[in-house]
Amino acid sequence: MNCPLCGGSGWIIENLNGQRKAVRCRCQFKNSISIFLKSSKIPVRYKNCKFSNFKPKTATQLRALKECEDFFYTFPFIEKGLLLYGTPGTGKTHLATATLKNIITYKGVRGIFCDFRNLLIDIKSTFETSESSTEILETVMRAPLLLLDDVGAERNTDWAKDILSTIINYRYVNSLPTIITTNLRFDLPTEESFSSKFDERTESRIYEMCKIIKVEGDDRRKESCI
């Protein structure tokens, strides 16, 4: 069905300061949002993640919800991205995805959901094909808004470290907003800390480019099975 305002042309005529000018119809914004959502690569499992259906059960979960909502409301006039860390099942990906979806839908910004483990698999798959690993990596690096999910869940290799370092360095230098989720710790120097798995330079840049937010709580996935 054609838009009742523009008849499907995508343009409407408005009088601005006494002059007739052609301007983009609102339906074009809606079409762009639909395209952006389809190209965001948000997994089917997370399609229904919203701020409204996230139920915080701990103080840190409540704080994380408020920080993500503030990030959305303020975007694009933000100074830092977000990094949500904590044990599995505490809602980090839910909140990060809700933030990404809201910004795409209401701010009209392109964004990409990228599972870091799957990214490594996709890049490796190009080694024996004609597909370019550079193109895959650049799509992630250059995204206007990037959600980098589950960083650190992959096997610890120098190659994985280099891939993450490349992404973080590019986005740091170009001041591109980034949302990161990880099970690695940022509060204590243990074997499960970010600093033990990745280089100090990458960690230092993440501290400068992201607000670090701890998310604690019971595993929601296990609770749903009880």
Protein backbone atom coordinates (compact mmCIF):
# COMPACT_ATOMS: atom_id res chain seq x y z
CA MET A 1 0.00 0.00 0.00
CA ASN A 2 1.34 3.42 -0.99
CA CYS A 3 1.99 6.02 1.70
CA PRO A 4 -1.04 8.35 1.99
CA LEU A 5 1.27 11.36 2.40
CA CYS A 6 3.58 10.94 -0.58
CA GLY A 7 1.73 8.37 -2.69
CA GLY A 8 4.80 6.16 -2.71
CA SER A 9 7.16 8.71 -4.24
CA GLY A 10 9.10 9.22 -1.00
CA TRP A 11 8.78 13.01 -1.29
CA ILE A 12 6.29 15.62 -0.13
CA ILE A 13 6.03 19.33 -0.94
CA GLU A 14 6.10 21.74 2.00
CA ASN A 15 6.02 25.51 2.21
CA LEU A 16 9.14 26.68 4.05
CA ASN A 17 9.55 30.42 4.53
CA GLY A 18 7.20 31.08 1.67
CA GLN A 19 8.97 28.70 -0.71
CA ARG A 20 7.78 25.33 -1.94
CA LYS A 21 10.41 22.69 -1.24
CA ALA A 22 10.55 18.95 -1.68
CA VAL A 23 11.40 17.09 1.52
CA ARG A 24 11.70 13.41 2.38
CA CYS A 25 8.48 11.84 3.59
CA ARG A 26 8.33 10.27 7.06
CA CYS A 27 7.71 6.89 5.43
CA GLN A 28 11.28 6.91 4.15
CA PHE A 29 12.53 7.03 7.73
CA LYS A 30 10.36 4.02 8.53
CA ASN A 31 11.71 2.17 5.50
CA SER A 32 15.28 2.93 6.54
CA ILE A 33 14.63 1.65 10.07
CA SER A 34 13.25 -1.61 8.67
CA ILE A 35 16.37 -2.02 6.54
CA PHE A 36 18.67 -1.16 9.45
CA LEU A 37 16.97 -3.70 11.73
CA LYS A 38 17.23 -6.45 9.12
CA SER A 39 20.92 -5.74 8.59
CA SER A 40 21.71 -5.47 12.31
CA LYS A 41 22.31 -9.24 12.60
CA ILE A 42 20.51 -9.39 15.94
CA PRO A 43 19.93 -13.12 16.60
CA VAL A 44 16.35 -14.40 16.62
CA ARG A 45 16.64 -15.31 20.32
CA TYR A 46 17.21 -11.65 21.22
CA LYS A 47 14.62 -10.06 18.91
CA ASN A 48 12.25 -9.39 21.81
CA CYS A 49 14.82 -7.91 24.20
CA LYS A 50 13.44 -4.62 25.55
CA PHE A 51 14.06 -2.38 28.51
CA SER A 52 10.44 -2.92 29.52
CA ASN A 53 10.73 -6.70 29.81
CA PHE A 54 14.02 -6.70 31.72
CA LYS A 55 13.23 -7.36 35.37
CA PRO A 56 16.19 -6.39 37.60
CA LYS A 57 16.59 -8.48 40.74
CA THR A 58 19.80 -6.96 42.08
CA ALA A 59 21.12 -3.45 42.63
CA THR A 60 23.73 -3.88 39.89
CA GLN A 61 21.10 -5.08 37.41
CA LEU A 62 18.99 -2.02 38.19
CA ARG A 63 21.99 0.24 37.74
CA ALA A 64 22.88 -1.46 34.45
CA LEU A 65 19.32 -0.95 33.19
CA LYS A 66 19.43 2.75 34.05
CA GLU A 67 22.86 3.19 32.46
CA CYS A 68 21.66 1.56 29.23
CA GLU A 69 18.49 3.66 29.18
CA ASP A 70 20.53 6.84 29.75
CA PHE A 71 22.91 5.83 26.96
CA PHE A 72 19.96 5.43 24.59
CA TYR A 73 18.31 8.70 25.59
CA THR A 74 21.57 10.66 25.27
CA PHE A 75 22.82 9.04 22.06
CA PRO A 76 24.54 10.28 19.91
CA PHE A 77 25.76 12.93 22.38
CA ILE A 78 27.62 10.39 24.48
CA GLU A 79 31.21 10.51 25.70
CA LYS A 80 31.70 6.77 26.17
CA GLY A 81 30.27 3.44 25.10
CA LEU A 82 29.27 0.71 27.55
CA LEU A 83 30.91 -2.46 28.83
CA LEU A 84 28.73 -4.85 30.82
CA TYR A 85 30.58 -7.58 32.70
CA GLY A 86 29.54 -10.33 35.06
CA THR A 87 28.77 -14.01 35.33
CA PRO A 88 26.64 -15.78 32.68
CA GLY A 89 22.87 -15.33 32.69
CA THR A 90 22.68 -11.99 34.49
CA GLY A 91 21.07 -10.13 31.57
CA LYS A 92 24.05 -8.41 29.97
CA THR A 93 23.16 -9.36 26.40
CA HIS A 94 19.48 -8.57 26.98
CA LEU A 95 20.31 -5.02 28.06
CA ALA A 96 22.93 -4.49 25.37
CA THR A 97 20.59 -5.70 22.64
CA ALA A 98 17.69 -3.57 23.92
CA THR A 99 20.01 -0.56 23.78
CA LEU A 100 21.10 -1.37 20.23
CA LYS A 101 17.52 -1.95 19.00
CA ASN A 102 16.23 1.27 20.55
CA ILE A 103 18.97 3.36 18.98
CA ILE A 104 18.36 1.81 15.56
CA THR A 105 14.58 2.18 15.84
CA TYR A 106 14.26 5.63 17.41
CA LYS A 107 17.51 7.34 16.41
CA GLY A 108 17.77 5.93 12.88
CA VAL A 109 21.40 4.81 13.30
CA ARG A 110 22.90 1.72 11.69
CA GLY A 111 24.12 -0.80 14.22
CA ILE A 112 25.49 -4.33 14.24
CA PHE A 113 25.22 -7.18 16.75
CA CYS A 114 28.45 -9.21 16.63
CA ASP A 115 29.06 -12.35 18.68
CA PHE A 116 32.84 -12.31 19.01
CA ARG A 117 33.17 -16.10 18.87
CA ASN A 118 31.07 -16.27 15.71
CA LEU A 119 33.13 -13.47 14.19
CA LEU A 120 36.29 -15.53 14.66
CA ILE A 121 34.58 -18.55 13.08
CA ASP A 122 33.41 -16.45 10.12
CA ILE A 123 36.90 -15.09 9.56
CA LYS A 124 38.46 -18.57 9.76
CA SER A 125 35.94 -19.88 7.24
CA THR A 126 37.32 -17.47 4.64
CA PHE A 127 40.81 -19.00 4.82
CA GLU A 128 39.81 -21.82 2.47
CA THR A 129 37.45 -19.82 0.26
CA SER A 130 37.56 -16.81 -2.01
CA GLU A 131 35.64 -14.71 0.51
CA SER A 132 37.57 -11.82 2.01
CA SER A 133 38.23 -11.90 5.75
CA THR A 134 39.14 -8.21 5.51
CA GLU A 135 35.62 -7.36 4.35
CA ILE A 136 34.06 -9.22 7.30
CA LEU A 137 36.34 -7.51 9.78
CA GLU A 138 35.89 -4.06 8.29
CA THR A 139 32.10 -4.36 8.47
CA VAL A 140 32.45 -4.78 12.22
CA MET A 141 35.19 -2.20 12.68
CA ARG A 142 33.38 0.52 10.76
CA ALA A 143 29.84 0.00 12.08
CA PRO A 144 28.35 3.33 13.26
CA LEU A 145 27.28 1.48 16.43
CA LEU A 146 28.69 -1.91 17.42
CA LEU A 147 27.52 -4.43 20.00
CA LEU A 148 30.41 -6.83 20.59
CA ASP A 149 28.90 -9.71 22.54
CA ASP A 150 30.51 -12.36 24.75
CA VAL A 151 34.10 -11.22 24.41
CA GLY A 152 36.47 -13.66 26.10
CA ALA A 153 34.29 -16.76 25.77
CA GLU A 154 36.47 -18.05 22.92
CA ARG A 155 39.66 -20.08 23.30
CA ASN A 156 42.55 -17.85 24.29
CA THR A 157 44.90 -17.48 21.31
CA ASP A 158 47.24 -14.76 20.09
CA TRP A 159 45.18 -14.59 16.90
CA ALA A 160 41.95 -13.89 18.82
CA LYS A 161 43.79 -11.22 20.82
CA ASP A 162 44.97 -9.57 17.60
CA ILE A 163 41.45 -9.53 16.12
CA LEU A 164 40.00 -7.87 19.22
CA SER A 165 42.90 -5.44 19.41
CA THR A 166 42.35 -4.46 15.76
CA ILE A 167 38.63 -3.80 16.33
CA ILE A 168 39.10 -1.87 19.56
CA ASN A 169 42.00 0.18 18.20
CA TYR A 170 40.08 1.22 15.07
CA ARG A 171 36.98 2.20 17.00
CA TYR A 172 39.03 3.97 19.66
CA VAL A 173 40.95 6.07 17.13
CA ASN A 174 37.78 6.93 15.19
CA SER A 175 35.63 7.56 18.30
CA LEU A 176 32.98 5.06 17.23
CA PRO A 177 30.47 4.10 19.97
CA THR A 178 30.81 0.52 21.16
CA ILE A 179 28.83 -1.71 23.52
CA ILE A 180 30.65 -4.76 24.88
CA THR A 181 29.49 -7.70 27.00
CA THR A 182 31.85 -10.16 28.66
CA ASN A 183 31.98 -12.74 31.45
CA LEU A 184 35.55 -11.68 32.21
CA ARG A 185 36.13 -9.64 35.34
CA PHE A 186 37.20 -6.02 35.51
CA ASP A 187 37.18 -5.64 39.28
CA LEU A 188 39.81 -8.19 40.38
CA PRO A 189 43.10 -9.40 38.78
CA THR A 190 42.22 -13.11 38.67
CA GLU A 191 42.59 -15.83 36.05
CA GLU A 192 39.12 -14.86 34.84
CA SER A 193 39.93 -11.16 34.48
CA PHE A 194 40.08 -9.32 31.17
CA SER A 195 43.69 -8.30 31.82
CA SER A 196 44.75 -11.94 32.13
CA LYS A 197 43.33 -12.85 28.72
CA PHE A 198 43.99 -9.76 26.58
CA ASP A 199 46.83 -7.27 26.37
CA GLU A 200 47.05 -4.20 28.60
CA ARG A 201 46.89 -1.82 25.64
CA THR A 202 43.49 -3.14 24.58
CA GLU A 203 42.20 -3.07 28.15
CA SER A 204 43.45 0.50 28.63
CA ARG A 205 41.64 1.71 25.52
CA ILE A 206 38.42 -0.02 26.58
CA TYR A 207 38.57 1.82 29.91
CA GLU A 208 38.86 5.11 28.05
CA MET A 209 36.16 4.39 25.45
CA CYS A 210 33.57 2.57 27.61
CA LYS A 211 31.83 3.02 30.94
CA ILE A 212 32.51 -0.19 32.89
CA ILE A 213 29.38 -1.65 34.53
CA LYS A 214 29.25 -4.76 36.72
CA VAL A 215 26.10 -6.92 36.46
CA GLU A 216 25.55 -9.42 39.27
CA GLY A 217 22.78 -11.90 39.95
CA ASP A 218 21.65 -15.49 39.61
CA ASP A 219 21.66 -17.21 36.24
CA ARG A 220 18.29 -16.30 34.69
CA ARG A 221 18.49 -19.21 32.25
CA LYS A 222 18.69 -21.72 35.09
CA GLU A 223 15.88 -20.00 36.97
CA SER A 224 13.56 -20.39 33.98
CA CYS A 225 14.06 -24.17 34.09
CA ILE A 226 13.13 -24.54 37.77
